[in-house]
PDB file of N, CA and C in Angstrom:
ATOM      1  N   UNK A   1      10.679 -14.655  12.497  1.00  0.00           N
ATOM      2  CA  UNK A   1       9.346 -14.101  12.652  1.00  0.00           C
ATOM      3  C   UNK A   1       9.386 -13.039  13.736  1.00  0.00           C
ATOM      4  N   UNK A   2       8.717 -11.927  13.467  1.00  0.00           N
ATOM      5  CA  UNK A   2       8.625 -10.828  14.432  1.00  0.00           C
ATOM      6  C   UNK A   2       7.411 -11.033  15.327  1.00  0.00           C
ATOM      7  N   UNK A   3       7.437 -10.413  16.476  1.00  0.00           N
ATOM      8  CA  UNK A   3       6.276 -10.510  17.360  1.00  0.00           C
ATOM      9  C   UNK A   3       5.687  -9.113  17.539  1.00  0.00           C
ATOM     10  N   UNK A   4       4.380  -9.078  17.726  1.00  0.00           N
ATOM     11  CA  UNK A   4       3.654  -7.823  17.893  1.00  0.00           C
ATOM     12  C   UNK A   4       2.701  -7.977  19.064  1.00  0.00           C
ATOM     13  N   UNK A   5       2.631  -6.957  19.899  1.00  0.00           N
ATOM     14  CA  UNK A   5       1.696  -6.991  21.015  1.00  0.00           C
ATOM     15  C   UNK A   5       0.337  -6.509  20.529  1.00  0.00           C
ATOM     16  N   UNK A   6      -0.704  -7.264  20.873  1.00  0.00           N
ATOM     17  CA  UNK A   6      -2.068  -6.935  20.484  1.00  0.00           C
ATOM     18  C   UNK A   6      -2.917  -6.844  21.742  1.00  0.00           C
ATOM     19  N   UNK A   7      -3.738  -5.829  21.792  1.00  0.00           N
ATOM     20  CA  UNK A   7      -4.649  -5.655  22.905  1.00  0.00           C
ATOM     21  C   UNK A   7      -5.447  -6.943  23.117  1.00  0.00           C
ATOM     22  N   UNK A   8      -5.625  -7.329  24.358  1.00  0.00           N
ATOM     23  CA  UNK A   8      -6.294  -8.599  24.696  1.00  0.00           C
ATOM     24  C   UNK A   8      -7.696  -8.685  24.096  1.00  0.00           C
ATOM     25  N   UNK A   9      -8.456  -7.607  24.180  1.00  0.00           N
ATOM     26  CA  UNK A   9      -9.822  -7.604  23.649  1.00  0.00           C
ATOM     27  C   UNK A   9      -9.816  -7.820  22.137  1.00  0.00           C
ATOM     28  N   UNK A  10      -8.916  -7.158  21.451  1.00  0.00           N
ATOM     29  CA  UNK A  10      -8.815  -7.317  20.001  1.00  0.00           C
ATOM     30  C   UNK A  10      -8.403  -8.743  19.663  1.00  0.00           C
ATOM     31  N   UNK A  11      -7.442  -9.267  20.395  1.00  0.00           N
ATOM     32  CA  UNK A  11      -6.984 -10.634  20.151  1.00  0.00           C
ATOM     33  C   UNK A  11      -8.128 -11.638  20.329  1.00  0.00           C
ATOM     34  N   UNK A  12      -8.942 -11.431  21.346  1.00  0.00           N
ATOM     35  CA  UNK A  12     -10.078 -12.334  21.578  1.00  0.00           C
ATOM     36  C   UNK A  12     -11.054 -12.292  20.405  1.00  0.00           C
ATOM     37  N   UNK A  13     -11.316 -11.104  19.892  1.00  0.00           N
ATOM     38  CA  UNK A  13     -12.214 -10.967  18.741  1.00  0.00           C
ATOM     39  C   UNK A  13     -11.627 -11.643  17.510  1.00  0.00           C
ATOM     40  N   UNK A  14     -10.330 -11.444  17.305  1.00  0.00           N
ATOM     41  CA  UNK A  14      -9.660 -12.065  16.163  1.00  0.00           C
ATOM     42  C   UNK A  14      -9.625 -13.585  16.306  1.00  0.00           C
ATOM     43  N   UNK A  15      -9.442 -14.061  17.525  1.00  0.00           N
ATOM     44  CA  UNK A  15      -9.433 -15.507  17.765  1.00  0.00           C
ATOM     45  C   UNK A  15     -10.802 -16.106  17.428  1.00  0.00           C
ATOM     46  N   UNK A  16     -11.847 -15.398  17.819  1.00  0.00           N
ATOM     47  CA  UNK A  16     -13.204 -15.871  17.526  1.00  0.00           C
ATOM     48  C   UNK A  16     -13.442 -15.908  16.009  1.00  0.00           C
ATOM     49  N   UNK A  17     -12.997 -14.856  15.317  1.00  0.00           N
ATOM     50  CA  UNK A  17     -13.170 -14.789  13.863  1.00  0.00           C
ATOM     51  C   UNK A  17     -12.321 -15.849  13.168  1.00  0.00           C
ATOM     52  N   UNK A  18     -11.120 -16.083  13.659  1.00  0.00           N
ATOM     53  CA  UNK A  18     -10.250 -17.109  13.077  1.00  0.00           C
ATOM     54  C   UNK A  18     -10.925 -18.467  13.140  1.00  0.00           C
ATOM     55  N   UNK A  19     -11.548 -18.742  14.261  1.00  0.00           N
ATOM     56  CA  UNK A  19     -12.251 -20.014  14.430  1.00  0.00           C
ATOM     57  C   UNK A  19     -13.431 -20.109  13.455  1.00  0.00           C
ATOM     58  N   UNK A  20     -14.188 -19.011  13.340  1.00  0.00           N
ATOM     59  CA  UNK A  20     -15.333 -18.978  12.417  1.00  0.00           C
ATOM     60  C   UNK A  20     -14.893 -19.237  10.974  1.00  0.00           C
ATOM     61  N   UNK A  21     -13.730 -18.715  10.610  1.00  0.00           N
ATOM     62  CA  UNK A  21     -13.231 -18.828   9.245  1.00  0.00           C
ATOM     63  C   UNK A  21     -12.460 -20.116   8.993  1.00  0.00           C
ATOM     64  N   UNK A  22     -12.263 -20.918  10.040  1.00  0.00           N
ATOM     65  CA  UNK A  22     -11.613 -22.210   9.872  1.00  0.00           C
ATOM     66  C   UNK A  22     -10.089 -22.192   9.879  1.00  0.00           C
ATOM     67  N   UNK A  23      -9.504 -21.141  10.404  1.00  0.00           N
ATOM     68  CA  UNK A  23      -8.046 -21.092  10.520  1.00  0.00           C
ATOM     69  C   UNK A  23      -7.605 -21.980  11.674  1.00  0.00           C
ATOM     70  N   UNK A  24      -6.428 -22.567  11.530  1.00  0.00           N
ATOM     71  CA  UNK A  24      -5.905 -23.453  12.573  1.00  0.00           C
ATOM     72  C   UNK A  24      -5.505 -22.675  13.818  1.00  0.00           C
ATOM     73  N   UNK A  25      -4.961 -21.465  13.597  1.00  0.00           N
ATOM     74  CA  UNK A  25      -4.523 -20.641  14.729  1.00  0.00           C
ATOM     75  C   UNK A  25      -4.931 -19.189  14.509  1.00  0.00           C
ATOM     76  N   UNK A  26      -4.966 -18.447  15.601  1.00  0.00           N
ATOM     77  CA  UNK A  26      -5.256 -17.018  15.508  1.00  0.00           C
ATOM     78  C   UNK A  26      -4.134 -16.305  14.769  1.00  0.00           C
ATOM     79  N   UNK A  27      -2.891 -16.708  15.029  1.00  0.00           N
ATOM     80  CA  UNK A  27      -1.749 -16.106  14.343  1.00  0.00           C
ATOM     81  C   UNK A  27      -1.867 -16.261  12.827  1.00  0.00           C
ATOM     82  N   UNK A  28      -2.298 -17.427  12.395  1.00  0.00           N
ATOM     83  CA  UNK A  28      -2.464 -17.678  10.962  1.00  0.00           C
ATOM     84  C   UNK A  28      -3.500 -16.710  10.379  1.00  0.00           C
ATOM     85  N   UNK A  29      -4.582 -16.512  11.095  1.00  0.00           N
ATOM     86  CA  UNK A  29      -5.633 -15.600  10.639  1.00  0.00           C
ATOM     87  C   UNK A  29      -5.120 -14.157  10.608  1.00  0.00           C
ATOM     88  N   UNK A  30      -4.457 -13.732  11.652  1.00  0.00           N
ATOM     89  CA  UNK A  30      -3.931 -12.363  11.720  1.00  0.00           C
ATOM     90  C   UNK A  30      -2.957 -12.118  10.574  1.00  0.00           C
ATOM     91  N   UNK A  31      -2.078 -13.078  10.310  1.00  0.00           N
ATOM     92  CA  UNK A  31      -1.143 -12.928   9.199  1.00  0.00           C
ATOM     93  C   UNK A  31      -1.872 -12.818   7.869  1.00  0.00           C
ATOM     94  N   UNK A  32      -2.946 -13.568   7.699  1.00  0.00           N
ATOM     95  CA  UNK A  32      -3.737 -13.515   6.480  1.00  0.00           C
ATOM     96  C   UNK A  32      -4.372 -12.133   6.298  1.00  0.00           C
ATOM     97  N   UNK A  33      -4.927 -11.607   7.369  1.00  0.00           N
ATOM     98  CA  UNK A  33      -5.555 -10.284   7.320  1.00  0.00           C
ATOM     99  C   UNK A  33      -4.507  -9.211   7.013  1.00  0.00           C
ATOM    100  N   UNK A  34      -3.376  -9.266   7.694  1.00  0.00           N
ATOM    101  CA  UNK A  34      -2.326  -8.280   7.458  1.00  0.00           C
ATOM    102  C   UNK A  34      -1.784  -8.375   6.039  1.00  0.00           C
ATOM    103  N   UNK A  35      -1.676  -9.572   5.513  1.00  0.00           N
ATOM    104  CA  UNK A  35      -1.218  -9.762   4.142  1.00  0.00           C
ATOM    105  C   UNK A  35      -2.180  -9.081   3.167  1.00  0.00           C
ATOM    106  N   UNK A  36      -3.470  -9.225   3.393  1.00  0.00           N
ATOM    107  CA  UNK A  36      -4.469  -8.573   2.533  1.00  0.00           C
ATOM    108  C   UNK A  36      -4.347  -7.055   2.601  1.00  0.00           C
ATOM    109  N   UNK A  37      -4.109  -6.537   3.788  1.00  0.00           N
ATOM    110  CA  UNK A  37      -3.963  -5.092   3.961  1.00  0.00           C
ATOM    111  C   UNK A  37      -2.726  -4.582   3.235  1.00  0.00           C
ATOM    112  N   UNK A  38      -1.610  -5.288   3.386  1.00  0.00           N
ATOM    113  CA  UNK A  38      -0.375  -4.877   2.721  1.00  0.00           C
ATOM    114  C   UNK A  38      -0.546  -4.901   1.206  1.00  0.00           C
ATOM    115  N   UNK A  39      -1.206  -5.924   0.674  1.00  0.00           N
ATOM    116  CA  UNK A  39      -1.440  -5.996  -0.774  1.00  0.00           C
ATOM    117  C   UNK A  39      -2.287  -4.827  -1.252  1.00  0.00           C
ATOM    118  N   UNK A  40      -3.274  -4.432  -0.453  1.00  0.00           N
ATOM    119  CA  UNK A  40      -4.116  -3.289  -0.808  1.00  0.00           C
ATOM    120  C   UNK A  40      -3.286  -2.005  -0.815  1.00  0.00           C
ATOM    121  N   UNK A  41      -2.431  -1.837   0.172  1.00  0.00           N
ATOM    122  CA  UNK A  41      -1.557  -0.657   0.229  1.00  0.00           C
ATOM    123  C   UNK A  41      -0.635  -0.639  -0.982  1.00  0.00           C
ATOM    124  N   UNK A  42      -0.073  -1.794  -1.325  1.00  0.00           N
ATOM    125  CA  UNK A  42       0.815  -1.870  -2.488  1.00  0.00           C
ATOM    126  C   UNK A  42       0.093  -1.434  -3.756  1.00  0.00           C
ATOM    127  N   UNK A  43      -1.160  -1.865  -3.912  1.00  0.00           N
ATOM    128  CA  UNK A  43      -1.935  -1.511  -5.109  1.00  0.00           C
ATOM    129  C   UNK A  43      -2.331  -0.043  -5.114  1.00  0.00           C
ATOM    130  N   UNK A  44      -2.899   0.413  -3.999  1.00  0.00           N
ATOM    131  CA  UNK A  44      -3.531   1.723  -3.976  1.00  0.00           C
ATOM    132  C   UNK A  44      -2.604   2.880  -3.606  1.00  0.00           C
ATOM    133  N   UNK A  45      -1.596   2.602  -2.804  1.00  0.00           N
ATOM    134  CA  UNK A  45      -0.721   3.677  -2.349  1.00  0.00           C
ATOM    135  C   UNK A  45       0.605   3.665  -3.098  1.00  0.00           C
ATOM    136  N   UNK A  46       1.241   2.507  -3.097  1.00  0.00           N
ATOM    137  CA  UNK A  46       2.551   2.425  -3.722  1.00  0.00           C
ATOM    138  C   UNK A  46       2.449   2.127  -5.208  1.00  0.00           C
ATOM    139  N   UNK A  47       1.338   1.527  -5.626  1.00  0.00           N
ATOM    140  CA  UNK A  47       1.051   1.181  -7.013  1.00  0.00           C
ATOM    141  C   UNK A  47       2.189   1.317  -8.002  1.00  0.00           C
ATOM    142  N   UNK A  48       1.903   1.023  -9.244  1.00  0.00           N
ATOM    143  CA  UNK A  48       2.945   1.133 -10.266  1.00  0.00           C
ATOM    144  C   UNK A  48       3.383   2.584 -10.395  1.00  0.00           C
ATOM    145  N   UNK A  49       4.664   2.759 -10.457  1.00  0.00           N
ATOM    146  CA  UNK A  49       5.228   4.094 -10.594  1.00  0.00           C
ATOM    147  C   UNK A  49       4.932   4.616 -11.992  1.00  0.00           C
ATOM    148  N   UNK A  50       4.568   5.875 -12.040  1.00  0.00           N
ATOM    149  CA  UNK A  50       4.341   6.490 -13.341  1.00  0.00           C
ATOM    150  C   UNK A  50       5.687   6.725 -14.000  1.00  0.00           C
ATOM    151  N   UNK A  51       5.695   6.534 -15.286  1.00  0.00           N
ATOM    152  CA  UNK A  51       6.935   6.716 -16.027  1.00  0.00           C
ATOM    153  C   UNK A  51       7.343   8.186 -16.020  1.00  0.00           C
ATOM    154  N   UNK A  52       8.636   8.392 -15.996  1.00  0.00           N
ATOM    155  CA  UNK A  52       9.139   9.750 -16.068  1.00  0.00           C
ATOM    156  C   UNK A  52       9.052  10.233 -17.504  1.00  0.00           C
ATOM    157  N   UNK A  53       9.028  11.547 -17.661  1.00  0.00           N
ATOM    158  CA  UNK A  53       8.997  12.117 -19.004  1.00  0.00           C
ATOM    159  C   UNK A  53      10.324  11.852 -19.701  1.00  0.00           C
ATOM    160  N   UNK A  54      10.229  11.652 -20.987  1.00  0.00           N
ATOM    161  CA  UNK A  54      11.463  11.539 -21.776  1.00  0.00           C
ATOM    162  C   UNK A  54      12.061  12.937 -21.868  1.00  0.00           C
ATOM    163  N   UNK A  55      13.306  13.019 -22.274  1.00  0.00           N
ATOM    164  CA  UNK A  55      13.954  14.331 -22.426  1.00  0.00           C
ATOM    165  C   UNK A  55      13.199  15.181 -23.449  1.00  0.00           C
ATOM    166  N   UNK A  56      12.718  14.533 -24.498  1.00  0.00           N
ATOM    167  CA  UNK A  56      11.977  15.244 -25.536  1.00  0.00           C
ATOM    168  C   UNK A  56      10.690  15.848 -24.968  1.00  0.00           C
ATOM    169  N   UNK A  57       9.953  15.051 -24.167  1.00  0.00           N
ATOM    170  CA  UNK A  57       8.724  15.555 -23.555  1.00  0.00           C
ATOM    171  C   UNK A  57       9.019  16.701 -22.590  1.00  0.00           C
ATOM    172  N   UNK A  58      10.092  16.528 -21.830  1.00  0.00           N
ATOM    173  CA  UNK A  58      10.482  17.571 -20.883  1.00  0.00           C
ATOM    174  C   UNK A  58      10.809  18.867 -21.608  1.00  0.00           C
ATOM    175  N   UNK A  59      11.523  18.775 -22.713  1.00  0.00           N
ATOM    176  CA  UNK A  59      11.882  19.967 -23.489  1.00  0.00           C
ATOM    177  C   UNK A  59      10.646  20.642 -24.076  1.00  0.00           C
ATOM    178  N   UNK A  60       9.660  19.847 -24.510  1.00  0.00           N
ATOM    179  CA  UNK A  60       8.422  20.430 -25.038  1.00  0.00           C
ATOM    180  C   UNK A  60       7.687  21.207 -23.939  1.00  0.00           C
ATOM    181  N   UNK A  61       7.647  20.637 -22.742  1.00  0.00           N
ATOM    182  CA  UNK A  61       6.980  21.319 -21.627  1.00  0.00           C
ATOM    183  C   UNK A  61       7.720  22.606 -21.283  1.00  0.00           C
ATOM    184  N   UNK A  62       9.033  22.523 -21.214  1.00  0.00           N
ATOM    185  CA  UNK A  62       9.822  23.725 -20.914  1.00  0.00           C
ATOM    186  C   UNK A  62       9.608  24.797 -21.970  1.00  0.00           C
ATOM    187  N   UNK A  63       9.555  24.379 -23.220  1.00  0.00           N
ATOM    188  CA  UNK A  63       9.335  25.322 -24.318  1.00  0.00           C
ATOM    189  C   UNK A  63       7.983  26.014 -24.171  1.00  0.00           C
ATOM    190  N   UNK A  64       6.963  25.259 -23.821  1.00  0.00           N
ATOM    191  CA  UNK A  64       5.627  25.837 -23.617  1.00  0.00           C
ATOM    192  C   UNK A  64       5.635  26.820 -22.454  1.00  0.00           C
ATOM    193  N   UNK A  65       6.310  26.430 -21.370  1.00  0.00           N
ATOM    194  CA  UNK A  65       6.372  27.305 -20.198  1.00  0.00           C
ATOM    195  C   UNK A  65       7.132  28.594 -20.508  1.00  0.00           C
ATOM    196  N   UNK A  66       8.191  28.494 -21.315  1.00  0.00           N
ATOM    197  CA  UNK A  66       8.939  29.693 -21.732  1.00  0.00           C
ATOM    198  C   UNK A  66       8.027  30.601 -22.561  1.00  0.00           C
ATOM    199  N   UNK A  67       7.305  30.004 -23.522  1.00  0.00           N
ATOM    200  CA  UNK A  67       6.419  30.769 -24.386  1.00  0.00           C
ATOM    201  C   UNK A  67       5.338  31.490 -23.582  1.00  0.00           C
ATOM    202  N   UNK A  68       4.930  30.885 -22.483  1.00  0.00           N
ATOM    203  CA  UNK A  68       3.910  31.498 -21.638  1.00  0.00           C
ATOM    204  C   UNK A  68       4.506  32.481 -20.628  1.00  0.00           C
ATOM    205  N   UNK A  69       5.831  32.553 -20.571  1.00  0.00           N
ATOM    206  CA  UNK A  69       6.488  33.481 -19.679  1.00  0.00           C
ATOM    207  C   UNK A  69       6.686  32.990 -18.249  1.00  0.00           C
ATOM    208  N   UNK A  70       6.484  31.702 -18.034  1.00  0.00           N
ATOM    209  CA  UNK A  70       6.643  31.160 -16.676  1.00  0.00           C
ATOM    210  C   UNK A  70       8.091  30.886 -16.321  1.00  0.00           C
ATOM    211  N   UNK A  71       8.906  30.559 -17.304  1.00  0.00           N
ATOM    212  CA  UNK A  71      10.336  30.320 -17.052  1.00  0.00           C
ATOM    213  C   UNK A  71      11.135  31.013 -18.148  1.00  0.00           C
ATOM    214  N   UNK A  72      12.404  31.235 -17.872  1.00  0.00           N
ATOM    215  CA  UNK A  72      13.288  31.883 -18.871  1.00  0.00           C
ATOM    216  C   UNK A  72      14.179  30.869 -19.511  1.00  0.00           C
TER     217      UNK A  72
END
């Protein structure tokens, strides 16, 4: 397990919220919150990778670009 330094004021607020939410420890609550944030980042930022174009699709795009004079 890694350790992270947290500002005392923030830790006090998180400790109060952890108690309100019924967590056994502040660390447990902080880990829960961070887990939710990471899952959101995974969904919204890293999300599923878009598939790459097939060679056929790529050739069609290149052909269109050639016809329009953008590439030779």
